[in-house]
Amino acid sequence: MFDKLMAAQQKADEIKKRLDTISVYGEVEGGKIRVTATANKTITSIDIEDSFHQSAEREELEELLLTAVNKALTQAEQVSAAEMQNMTKDMLGGLGSLGNLFGQ
C-alpha cells in the first residue's frame, strides 16, 4: 500500500513538472492584449500592443487585462484537470474491473 502511495505522489510530481512546461494563453481585442501562463496557473508574461496601450483608457485597459488573465487561468485549470484525470485513469486502470465502478 505504501508503495502505491509513493508511486502516486511521484506521478503527481511528474504531472506538476509537466504542467510547468505547458503554456496557455488568454487574449482580448484580437490579440492586442495577450496573457501567457503555465498550466500550473503561474502568469509568465503580459503583452499589450503599444498602439493599443497608448490609445486605451486606463479603466478599459484594466478591465480587458482582467479578462485576459481570467481566460488564461481558465485554460490552465482545464489543462490541469485533464492531466489529473488521465493520471487517475492510469491508476484506476491498474485496479482491473474496480475502475469500472466509477463509470470509467
C-alpha atoms as a PDB file:
ATOM      1  CA  MET A   1       0.000   0.000   0.000  1.00  0.00           C
ATOM      2  CA  PHE A   2       2.807   2.383   0.910  1.00  0.00           C
ATOM      3  CA  ASP A   3       4.485   1.679  -2.440  1.00  0.00           C
ATOM      4  CA  LYS A   4       1.291   2.649  -4.267  1.00  0.00           C
ATOM      5  CA  LEU A   5       1.070   5.902  -2.307  1.00  0.00           C
ATOM      6  CA  MET A   6       4.675   6.712  -3.122  1.00  0.00           C
ATOM      7  CA  ALA A   7       4.079   5.921  -6.801  1.00  0.00           C
ATOM      8  CA  ALA A   8       1.003   8.158  -6.825  1.00  0.00           C
ATOM      9  CA  GLN A   9       2.980  11.005  -5.216  1.00  0.00           C
ATOM     10  CA  GLN A  10       5.778  10.567  -7.741  1.00  0.00           C
ATOM     11  CA  LYS A  11       3.258  10.615 -10.616  1.00  0.00           C
ATOM     12  CA  ALA A  12       1.652  13.795  -9.210  1.00  0.00           C
ATOM     13  CA  ASP A  13       5.089  15.433  -9.004  1.00  0.00           C
ATOM     14  CA  GLU A  14       5.789  14.460 -12.626  1.00  0.00           C
ATOM     15  CA  ILE A  15       2.480  15.983 -13.720  1.00  0.00           C
ATOM     16  CA  LYS A  16       3.248  19.205 -11.837  1.00  0.00           C
ATOM     17  CA  LYS A  17       6.603  19.463 -13.591  1.00  0.00           C
ATOM     18  CA  ARG A  18       4.959  18.796 -16.960  1.00  0.00           C
ATOM     19  CA  LEU A  19       2.288  21.441 -16.265  1.00  0.00           C
ATOM     20  CA  ASP A  20       5.096  23.957 -15.707  1.00  0.00           C
ATOM     21  CA  THR A  21       6.197  23.370 -19.320  1.00  0.00           C
ATOM     22  CA  ILE A  22       2.737  23.842 -20.874  1.00  0.00           C
ATOM     23  CA  SER A  23       1.818  27.386 -21.877  1.00  0.00           C
ATOM     24  CA  VAL A  24      -1.761  28.618 -22.099  1.00  0.00           C
ATOM     25  CA  TYR A  25      -2.989  31.984 -23.340  1.00  0.00           C
ATOM     26  CA  GLY A  26      -5.716  34.492 -22.775  1.00  0.00           C
ATOM     27  CA  GLU A  27      -6.297  37.090 -25.471  1.00  0.00           C
ATOM     28  CA  VAL A  28      -8.669  40.014 -25.872  1.00  0.00           C
ATOM     29  CA  GLU A  29      -9.241  42.632 -28.553  1.00  0.00           C
ATOM     30  CA  GLY A  30      -7.979  40.338 -31.291  1.00  0.00           C
ATOM     31  CA  GLY A  31      -4.678  39.672 -29.556  1.00  0.00           C
ATOM     32  CA  LYS A  32      -3.906  43.264 -28.652  1.00  0.00           C
ATOM     33  CA  ILE A  33      -3.625  42.070 -25.058  1.00  0.00           C
ATOM     34  CA  ARG A  34      -2.185  38.595 -24.508  1.00  0.00           C
ATOM     35  CA  VAL A  35      -1.526  36.887 -21.191  1.00  0.00           C
ATOM     36  CA  THR A  36       0.639  33.777 -21.048  1.00  0.00           C
ATOM     37  CA  ALA A  37       0.536  31.375 -18.108  1.00  0.00           C
ATOM     38  CA  THR A  38       1.695  27.884 -17.281  1.00  0.00           C
ATOM     39  CA  ALA A  39      -0.837  25.110 -16.792  1.00  0.00           C
ATOM     40  CA  ASN A  40       0.104  25.402 -13.101  1.00  0.00           C
ATOM     41  CA  LYS A  41      -1.605  28.820 -13.127  1.00  0.00           C
ATOM     42  CA  THR A  42       1.516  30.970 -12.998  1.00  0.00           C
ATOM     43  CA  ILE A  43       1.378  34.096 -15.158  1.00  0.00           C
ATOM     44  CA  THR A  44       4.596  34.224 -17.190  1.00  0.00           C
ATOM     45  CA  SER A  45       4.028  37.241 -19.418  1.00  0.00           C
ATOM     46  CA  ILE A  46       1.630  40.016 -20.341  1.00  0.00           C
ATOM     47  CA  ASP A  47       1.897  41.632 -23.752  1.00  0.00           C
ATOM     48  CA  ILE A  48      -0.003  44.772 -24.754  1.00  0.00           C
ATOM     49  CA  GLU A  49       0.358  46.247 -28.234  1.00  0.00           C
ATOM     50  CA  ASP A  50       1.962  49.687 -27.998  1.00  0.00           C
ATOM     51  CA  SER A  51      -0.648  51.358 -30.196  1.00  0.00           C
ATOM     52  CA  PHE A  52      -3.491  49.899 -28.128  1.00  0.00           C
ATOM     53  CA  HIS A  53      -1.806  50.820 -24.849  1.00  0.00           C
ATOM     54  CA  GLN A  54      -1.395  54.426 -25.954  1.00  0.00           C
ATOM     55  CA  SER A  55      -4.967  54.813 -27.158  1.00  0.00           C
ATOM     56  CA  ALA A  56      -6.867  52.908 -24.443  1.00  0.00           C
ATOM     57  CA  GLU A  57      -8.300  54.494 -21.338  1.00  0.00           C
ATOM     58  CA  ARG A  58      -6.989  53.196 -18.036  1.00  0.00           C
ATOM     59  CA  GLU A  59     -10.305  51.630 -16.924  1.00  0.00           C
ATOM     60  CA  GLU A  60     -10.773  49.897 -20.280  1.00  0.00           C
ATOM     61  CA  LEU A  61      -7.218  48.560 -20.191  1.00  0.00           C
ATOM     62  CA  GLU A  62      -7.626  47.266 -16.637  1.00  0.00           C
ATOM     63  CA  GLU A  63     -10.920  45.539 -17.464  1.00  0.00           C
ATOM     64  CA  LEU A  64      -9.530  43.908 -20.603  1.00  0.00           C
ATOM     65  CA  LEU A  65      -6.401  42.820 -18.765  1.00  0.00           C
ATOM     66  CA  LEU A  66      -8.505  41.132 -16.092  1.00  0.00           C
ATOM     67  CA  THR A  67     -10.484  39.346 -18.794  1.00  0.00           C
ATOM     68  CA  ALA A  68      -7.308  38.114 -20.499  1.00  0.00           C
ATOM     69  CA  VAL A  69      -5.827  36.902 -17.192  1.00  0.00           C
ATOM     70  CA  ASN A  70      -9.024  35.050 -16.321  1.00  0.00           C
ATOM     71  CA  LYS A  71      -9.115  33.416 -19.765  1.00  0.00           C
ATOM     72  CA  ALA A  72      -5.537  32.194 -19.344  1.00  0.00           C
ATOM     73  CA  LEU A  73      -6.245  30.855 -15.849  1.00  0.00           C
ATOM     74  CA  THR A  74      -9.392  29.090 -17.073  1.00  0.00           C
ATOM     75  CA  GLN A  75      -7.376  27.371 -19.783  1.00  0.00           C
ATOM     76  CA  ALA A  76      -4.729  26.439 -17.218  1.00  0.00           C
ATOM     77  CA  GLU A  77      -7.395  24.887 -14.997  1.00  0.00           C
ATOM     78  CA  GLN A  78      -8.790  22.872 -17.910  1.00  0.00           C
ATOM     79  CA  VAL A  79      -5.365  21.519 -18.889  1.00  0.00           C
ATOM     80  CA  SER A  80      -4.521  20.717 -15.277  1.00  0.00           C
ATOM     81  CA  ALA A  81      -7.829  18.905 -14.736  1.00  0.00           C
ATOM     82  CA  ALA A  82      -7.335  16.861 -17.913  1.00  0.00           C
ATOM     83  CA  GLU A  83      -3.839  15.838 -16.817  1.00  0.00           C
ATOM     84  CA  MET A  84      -5.056  14.831 -13.366  1.00  0.00           C
ATOM     85  CA  GLN A  85      -7.946  12.886 -14.892  1.00  0.00           C
ATOM     86  CA  ASN A  86      -5.504  10.991 -17.091  1.00  0.00           C
ATOM     87  CA  MET A  87      -3.379  10.184 -14.057  1.00  0.00           C
ATOM     88  CA  THR A  88      -6.449   8.923 -12.192  1.00  0.00           C
ATOM     89  CA  LYS A  89      -7.469   6.766 -15.156  1.00  0.00           C
ATOM     90  CA  ASP A  90      -3.989   5.271 -15.305  1.00  0.00           C
ATOM     91  CA  MET A  91      -4.078   4.495 -11.593  1.00  0.00           C
ATOM     92  CA  LEU A  92      -7.592   3.013 -11.714  1.00  0.00           C
ATOM     93  CA  GLY A  93      -6.659   1.025 -14.802  1.00  0.00           C
ATOM     94  CA  GLY A  94      -4.229  -0.873 -12.624  1.00  0.00           C
ATOM     95  CA  LEU A  95      -7.116  -1.976 -10.399  1.00  0.00           C
ATOM     96  CA  GLY A  96      -8.720  -4.085 -13.104  1.00  0.00           C
ATOM     97  CA  SER A  97     -12.520  -4.111 -13.053  1.00  0.00           C
ATOM     98  CA  LEU A  98     -12.678  -1.892  -9.971  1.00  0.00           C
ATOM     99  CA  GLY A  99     -12.018   1.082 -12.245  1.00  0.00           C
ATOM    100  CA  ASN A 100     -15.415   0.447 -13.868  1.00  0.00           C
ATOM    101  CA  LEU A 101     -17.204   1.114 -10.583  1.00  0.00           C
ATOM    102  CA  PHE A 102     -16.959   4.830 -11.284  1.00  0.00           C
ATOM    103  CA  GLY A 103     -18.182   4.684 -14.858  1.00  0.00           C
ATOM    104  CA  GLN A 104     -14.726   4.940 -16.418  1.00  0.00           C
END
